């Protein structure tokens, strides 16, 4: 399991926190999460431990005021820094009940779910590799020549898992899930691939082409 202090890219933090990238940028810009958990050097990054704070802030929005949520995060921050813990195994053993005036809030479920999602992100990182010798350096599933972003695109398009498995018989459902997590946490850069630009050994799971409508007149 990755360390509590590990810095995640904003896109990775969004995946782990189960929020949008826009919401991650908001908690940074508005100092909702402590500044000590944020780095703006070479892009925006947040500490892994901040992800459960982000989840709590947005998931509890319908029940708690902004002030109550901020006070809870500040109380949790003091407790976290005061214990000087660097491992999730230790963090998960702690009592994360926060008393805020007449409110009693148990943050343990947020800490636990964040740890589970970080495990998934780490597993997604581990199954992906990239080499100039394979598909021009495009990320692929380790031990295969299957492009990660092609699998993720199929999932996003709503193609049933069984059809993806039939097209890529060397994959498992678990690998398909992890490929989607990796792609979401690491959006591809540059211009989108042209329709006719299909990488070597790629498999077309479905091909729906819609003819352009001719303009009237």
Protein backbone atom coordinates (compact mmCIF):
# COMPACT_ATOMS: atom_id res chain seq x y z
CA UNK A 1 0.00 0.00 0.00
CA UNK A 2 1.34 3.43 -0.90
CA UNK A 3 2.51 5.75 1.86
CA UNK A 4 0.20 8.29 3.47
CA UNK A 5 2.54 11.11 2.47
CA UNK A 6 2.84 10.08 -1.19
CA UNK A 7 1.89 12.91 -3.53
CA UNK A 8 -0.80 12.13 -6.10
CA UNK A 9 -1.52 14.00 -9.28
CA UNK A 10 -4.81 15.89 -9.23
CA UNK A 11 -6.31 13.36 -11.66
CA UNK A 12 -5.24 10.48 -9.41
CA UNK A 13 -6.66 12.22 -6.35
CA UNK A 14 -9.97 12.65 -8.18
CA UNK A 15 -10.16 8.92 -8.90
CA UNK A 16 -9.30 7.93 -5.32
CA UNK A 17 -11.67 10.51 -3.80
CA UNK A 18 -14.45 9.65 -6.29
CA UNK A 19 -14.95 13.28 -7.26
CA UNK A 20 -14.34 15.29 -10.42
CA UNK A 21 -11.03 16.92 -11.30
CA UNK A 22 -12.80 20.26 -11.03
CA UNK A 23 -13.71 19.49 -7.41
CA UNK A 24 -10.11 18.55 -6.60
CA UNK A 25 -8.95 21.87 -8.04
CA UNK A 26 -11.60 23.61 -5.97
CA UNK A 27 -10.44 22.15 -2.65
CA UNK A 28 -6.91 23.29 -3.54
CA UNK A 29 -7.86 26.80 -4.67
CA UNK A 30 -10.20 27.43 -1.75
CA UNK A 31 -7.81 25.89 0.80
CA UNK A 32 -10.46 23.39 1.87
CA UNK A 33 -7.79 20.80 2.48
CA UNK A 34 -4.77 21.96 4.50
CA UNK A 35 -2.00 23.65 2.51
CA UNK A 36 0.47 21.23 4.08
CA UNK A 37 -1.22 18.45 2.08
CA UNK A 38 -0.81 20.27 -1.25
CA UNK A 39 2.11 20.83 -3.61
CA UNK A 40 2.01 23.16 -6.61
CA UNK A 41 5.53 22.35 -7.79
CA UNK A 42 5.59 20.82 -11.27
CA UNK A 43 1.81 20.54 -11.43
CA UNK A 44 -0.87 20.13 -8.79
CA UNK A 45 -0.42 17.31 -6.31
CA UNK A 46 -2.10 16.34 -3.04
CA UNK A 47 -1.02 13.90 -0.36
CA UNK A 48 -2.71 10.52 -0.42
CA UNK A 49 -4.03 11.18 3.10
CA UNK A 50 -5.97 14.20 1.82
CA UNK A 51 -8.20 12.05 -0.38
CA UNK A 52 -10.44 10.96 2.47
CA UNK A 53 -10.82 14.62 3.48
CA UNK A 54 -11.90 15.44 -0.07
CA UNK A 55 -14.39 12.56 -0.07
CA UNK A 56 -15.81 13.63 3.26
CA UNK A 57 -16.17 17.27 2.23
CA UNK A 58 -18.31 16.52 -0.82
CA UNK A 59 -20.14 13.40 0.37
CA UNK A 60 -21.40 15.15 3.51
CA UNK A 61 -22.45 18.37 1.74
CA UNK A 62 -26.17 17.59 1.97
CA UNK A 63 -26.06 17.02 5.73
CA UNK A 64 -23.43 19.42 7.06
CA UNK A 65 -22.72 23.09 6.50
CA UNK A 66 -19.45 24.18 4.89
CA UNK A 67 -18.26 25.47 8.27
CA UNK A 68 -19.00 22.17 9.99
CA UNK A 69 -17.16 20.23 7.30
CA UNK A 70 -14.14 22.54 7.45
CA UNK A 71 -13.97 22.35 11.24
CA UNK A 72 -14.07 18.55 11.03
CA UNK A 73 -11.23 18.50 8.50
CA UNK A 74 -9.13 20.84 10.65
CA UNK A 75 -9.68 18.63 13.71
CA UNK A 76 -8.71 15.54 11.73
CA UNK A 77 -5.62 17.29 10.37
CA UNK A 78 -4.35 18.06 13.88
CA UNK A 79 -4.92 14.48 14.94
CA UNK A 80 -3.17 13.11 11.86
CA UNK A 81 -0.13 15.35 12.14
CA UNK A 82 0.08 14.84 15.88
CA UNK A 83 0.45 11.07 15.54
CA UNK A 84 3.18 11.26 12.87
CA UNK A 85 1.89 8.14 11.15
CA UNK A 86 3.23 7.11 7.76
CA UNK A 87 1.41 3.82 7.17
CA UNK A 88 -2.23 3.21 6.32
CA UNK A 89 -2.24 0.07 8.46
CA UNK A 90 -1.65 2.27 11.52
CA UNK A 91 -4.08 4.92 10.36
CA UNK A 92 -6.88 2.39 9.98
CA UNK A 93 -6.50 1.30 13.61
CA UNK A 94 -7.10 4.78 14.98
CA UNK A 95 -10.37 6.16 16.36
CA UNK A 96 -11.51 8.77 13.83
CA UNK A 97 -14.53 10.01 15.75
CA UNK A 98 -14.52 13.81 15.75
CA UNK A 99 -16.61 15.79 18.25
CA UNK A 100 -17.57 19.23 16.99
CA UNK A 101 -19.82 21.03 19.48
CA UNK A 102 -23.10 19.09 19.30
CA UNK A 103 -21.95 16.98 16.34
CA UNK A 104 -20.22 13.61 16.50
CA UNK A 105 -18.78 12.49 13.17
CA UNK A 106 -17.13 9.14 12.44
CA UNK A 107 -14.56 9.58 9.67
CA UNK A 108 -13.40 5.95 9.76
CA UNK A 109 -15.51 4.88 6.74
CA UNK A 110 -13.90 7.62 4.61
CA UNK A 111 -10.41 6.59 5.73
CA UNK A 112 -11.14 2.93 5.03
CA UNK A 113 -12.64 3.51 1.57
CA UNK A 114 -9.74 5.77 0.61
CA UNK A 115 -7.24 3.08 1.60
CA UNK A 116 -9.10 0.57 -0.57
CA UNK A 117 -9.12 2.91 -3.58
CA UNK A 118 -5.42 3.64 -3.14
CA UNK A 119 -4.80 -0.10 -3.28
CA UNK A 120 -6.69 -0.21 -6.57
CA UNK A 121 -4.72 2.72 -7.98
CA UNK A 122 -1.45 1.06 -7.01
CA UNK A 123 -2.58 -2.20 -8.62
CA UNK A 124 -3.53 -0.29 -11.77
CA UNK A 125 -0.07 1.25 -11.90
CA UNK A 126 1.53 -2.18 -11.52
CA UNK A 127 -0.28 -3.84 -14.45
CA UNK A 128 0.66 -1.09 -16.90
CA UNK A 129 3.97 -0.72 -18.68
CA UNK A 130 5.30 1.33 -21.57
CA UNK A 131 8.25 0.72 -23.87
CA UNK A 132 9.36 2.31 -27.13
CA UNK A 133 9.60 -1.23 -28.53
CA UNK A 134 5.88 -1.87 -28.01
CA UNK A 135 3.29 0.17 -29.93
CA UNK A 136 5.56 3.20 -30.01
CA UNK A 137 5.60 3.58 -26.23
CA UNK A 138 1.83 3.52 -25.68
CA UNK A 139 0.86 2.16 -22.25
CA UNK A 140 -0.10 -1.52 -22.46
CA UNK A 141 -1.20 -4.24 -20.07
CA UNK A 142 1.98 -5.78 -18.68
CA UNK A 143 2.95 -8.97 -20.53
CA UNK A 144 0.75 -8.12 -23.53
CA UNK A 145 0.55 -5.72 -26.45
CA UNK A 146 -2.95 -4.61 -25.49
CA UNK A 147 -3.29 -0.78 -25.29
CA UNK A 148 -4.64 0.38 -21.94
CA UNK A 149 -6.52 3.33 -23.40
CA UNK A 150 -8.28 1.13 -25.96
CA UNK A 151 -9.63 -1.06 -23.17
CA UNK A 152 -10.68 1.98 -21.14
CA UNK A 153 -12.37 3.53 -24.19
CA UNK A 154 -14.38 0.35 -24.71
CA UNK A 155 -15.54 0.43 -21.08
CA UNK A 156 -16.44 4.12 -21.32
CA UNK A 157 -18.41 3.42 -24.51
CA UNK A 158 -20.54 0.97 -22.54
CA UNK A 159 -19.35 -2.17 -24.33
CA UNK A 160 -20.19 -5.21 -22.17
CA UNK A 161 -17.26 -6.78 -20.36
CA UNK A 162 -17.96 -10.13 -22.00
CA UNK A 163 -17.51 -8.64 -25.47
CA UNK A 164 -14.22 -7.06 -24.42
CA UNK A 165 -13.05 -10.40 -23.05
CA UNK A 166 -13.97 -12.09 -26.32
CA UNK A 167 -11.96 -9.51 -28.26
CA UNK A 168 -9.01 -9.77 -25.84
CA UNK A 169 -9.11 -13.36 -24.53
CA UNK A 170 -5.83 -12.86 -22.66
CA UNK A 171 -7.43 -10.36 -20.27
CA UNK A 172 -9.39 -10.84 -17.07
CA UNK A 173 -12.27 -8.78 -15.72
CA UNK A 174 -9.95 -7.51 -12.99
CA UNK A 175 -7.43 -6.26 -15.56
CA UNK A 176 -10.17 -4.50 -17.48
CA UNK A 177 -11.26 -2.69 -14.32
CA UNK A 178 -7.69 -1.70 -13.47
CA UNK A 179 -7.08 -0.49 -17.03
CA UNK A 180 -10.08 1.85 -16.67
CA UNK A 181 -8.78 3.15 -13.34
CA UNK A 182 -5.32 3.79 -14.80
CA UNK A 183 -6.73 5.63 -17.83
CA UNK A 184 -8.98 7.80 -15.68
CA UNK A 185 -6.10 8.65 -13.35
CA UNK A 186 -3.75 9.33 -16.28
CA UNK A 187 -5.71 10.96 -19.12
CA UNK A 188 -3.86 10.73 -22.44
CA UNK A 189 -2.19 13.89 -23.63
CA UNK A 190 -2.14 15.40 -27.08
CA UNK A 191 -4.69 15.33 -29.86
CA UNK A 192 -7.21 12.49 -29.97
CA UNK A 193 -6.26 9.65 -32.28
CA UNK A 194 -7.68 9.91 -35.79
CA UNK A 195 -10.40 7.43 -36.68
CA UNK A 196 -8.19 5.60 -39.15
CA UNK A 197 -5.13 5.53 -36.93
CA UNK A 198 -5.43 2.06 -35.38
CA UNK A 199 -2.35 0.74 -33.58
CA UNK A 200 -0.74 -2.53 -34.60
CA UNK A 201 -2.51 -5.62 -33.20
CA UNK A 202 -5.41 -3.56 -31.85
CA UNK A 203 -8.80 -5.28 -31.91
CA UNK A 204 -11.96 -3.48 -33.02
CA UNK A 205 -14.65 -4.45 -30.52
CA UNK A 206 -17.34 -2.49 -32.32
CA UNK A 207 -17.40 -0.19 -35.30
CA UNK A 208 -20.31 2.18 -35.64
CA UNK A 209 -19.99 4.67 -38.45
CA UNK A 210 -22.51 7.41 -39.02
CA UNK A 211 -22.55 9.15 -42.37
CA UNK A 212 -22.50 12.91 -42.33
CA UNK A 213 -25.71 14.65 -43.23
CA UNK A 214 -25.55 16.61 -46.44
CA UNK A 215 -26.37 20.26 -45.91
CA UNK A 216 -29.68 21.36 -47.33
CA UNK A 217 -29.61 23.65 -50.32
